[in-house]
Structures are given as structure tokens and as C-alpha cells.
Amino acid sequence: MISYAPLWKTMKEKGATTYTLRNKAHISGATVQRLQRGESVSTNTLDSLCRHLQCQIEDIVVFIDEK
């Protein structure tokens, strides 16, 4: 399972909000909701998040083995 828990931590550290994602990173409100619900998003969205937050992919997502 993919978790976006690192994203919320990274956003807090960088002083970013969901408003920032929508208006400065140009991520739609629907996509922000998908992130909040832990649903899938495109690699383009992940690229935009990394670019805007100036971080690596592991600062946004983590894989959790559900065995």
C-alpha cells in the first residue's frame, strides 16, 4: 500500500498547506482530496509535488507492505 504520510510531514516542515498545493503547485482540489484519502494519483502529480516542495519522492510517499 502506498501512504502519503511523508507528504503531510514534509508540507508541515516547509510551511506548505493544501491551499499552497492548489494555487502555487497547480494541483487540483480533487487531486488534493485523493491525496488526503490515500487514493492513487498520477506520476505527474508526484513530480509536481517534488518540484514545488523541492524534495525527493521518499519525502512524499512510502510503501507499506500489508502482509
Protein backbone atom coordinates (compact mmCIF):
# COMPACT_ATOMS: atom_id res chain seq x y z
CA MET A 1 0.00 0.00 0.00
CA ILE A 2 1.20 3.49 -0.79
CA SER A 3 0.94 6.02 2.03
CA TYR A 4 1.19 9.78 1.69
CA ALA A 5 2.05 10.27 5.37
CA PRO A 6 5.50 11.63 4.48
CA LEU A 7 3.84 14.31 2.32
CA TRP A 8 1.97 15.85 5.24
CA LYS A 9 5.15 15.86 7.35
CA THR A 10 7.16 17.45 4.52
CA MET A 11 4.47 20.07 3.94
CA LYS A 12 4.47 20.98 7.63
CA GLU A 13 8.27 21.29 7.66
CA LYS A 14 8.18 23.52 4.57
CA GLY A 15 5.22 25.61 5.74
CA ALA A 16 3.02 24.47 2.84
CA THR A 17 -0.73 23.96 3.01
CA THR A 18 -3.30 22.37 0.73
CA TYR A 19 -4.04 25.93 -0.43
CA THR A 20 -0.38 26.18 -1.46
CA LEU A 21 -0.65 22.94 -3.43
CA ARG A 22 -3.76 24.09 -5.25
CA ASN A 23 -2.67 27.62 -6.05
CA LYS A 24 1.10 27.53 -6.35
CA ALA A 25 1.79 23.93 -7.42
CA HIS A 26 -1.37 23.94 -9.62
CA ILE A 27 -2.71 20.67 -8.20
CA SER A 28 -6.47 20.41 -8.48
CA GLY A 29 -8.71 20.32 -5.44
CA ALA A 30 -9.88 16.84 -6.49
CA THR A 31 -6.29 15.60 -6.54
CA VAL A 32 -5.61 17.10 -3.11
CA GLN A 33 -8.67 15.22 -1.85
CA ARG A 34 -7.33 12.00 -3.40
CA LEU A 35 -4.05 12.53 -1.54
CA GLN A 36 -5.92 13.15 1.70
CA ARG A 37 -7.88 9.92 1.25
CA GLY A 38 -4.76 7.91 0.36
CA GLU A 39 -6.02 7.19 -3.15
CA SER A 40 -3.87 6.87 -6.27
CA VAL A 41 -2.54 9.92 -8.09
CA SER A 42 -0.54 10.26 -11.29
CA THR A 43 3.21 10.34 -11.54
CA ASN A 44 2.77 13.86 -12.97
CA THR A 45 1.21 14.88 -9.65
CA LEU A 46 4.09 13.31 -7.72
CA ASP A 47 6.53 15.15 -9.99
CA SER A 48 4.74 18.47 -9.33
CA LEU A 49 4.82 17.86 -5.58
CA CYS A 50 8.55 17.08 -5.61
CA ARG A 51 9.27 20.09 -7.81
CA HIS A 52 7.21 22.54 -5.74
CA LEU A 53 8.29 21.24 -2.32
CA GLN A 54 11.88 20.80 -3.52
CA CYS A 55 12.12 17.29 -2.13
CA GLN A 56 12.62 13.68 -3.15
CA ILE A 57 9.86 11.15 -3.83
CA GLU A 58 10.52 9.42 -0.49
CA ASP A 59 9.58 12.71 1.19
CA ILE A 60 6.10 12.30 -0.31
CA VAL A 61 5.24 8.60 -0.43
CA VAL A 62 6.17 5.40 1.33
CA PHE A 63 5.32 1.80 0.52
CA ILE A 64 3.84 -0.20 3.39
CA ASP A 65 3.81 -3.97 2.96
CA GLU A 66 0.43 -5.24 4.13
CA LYS A 67 1.45 -8.86 4.69
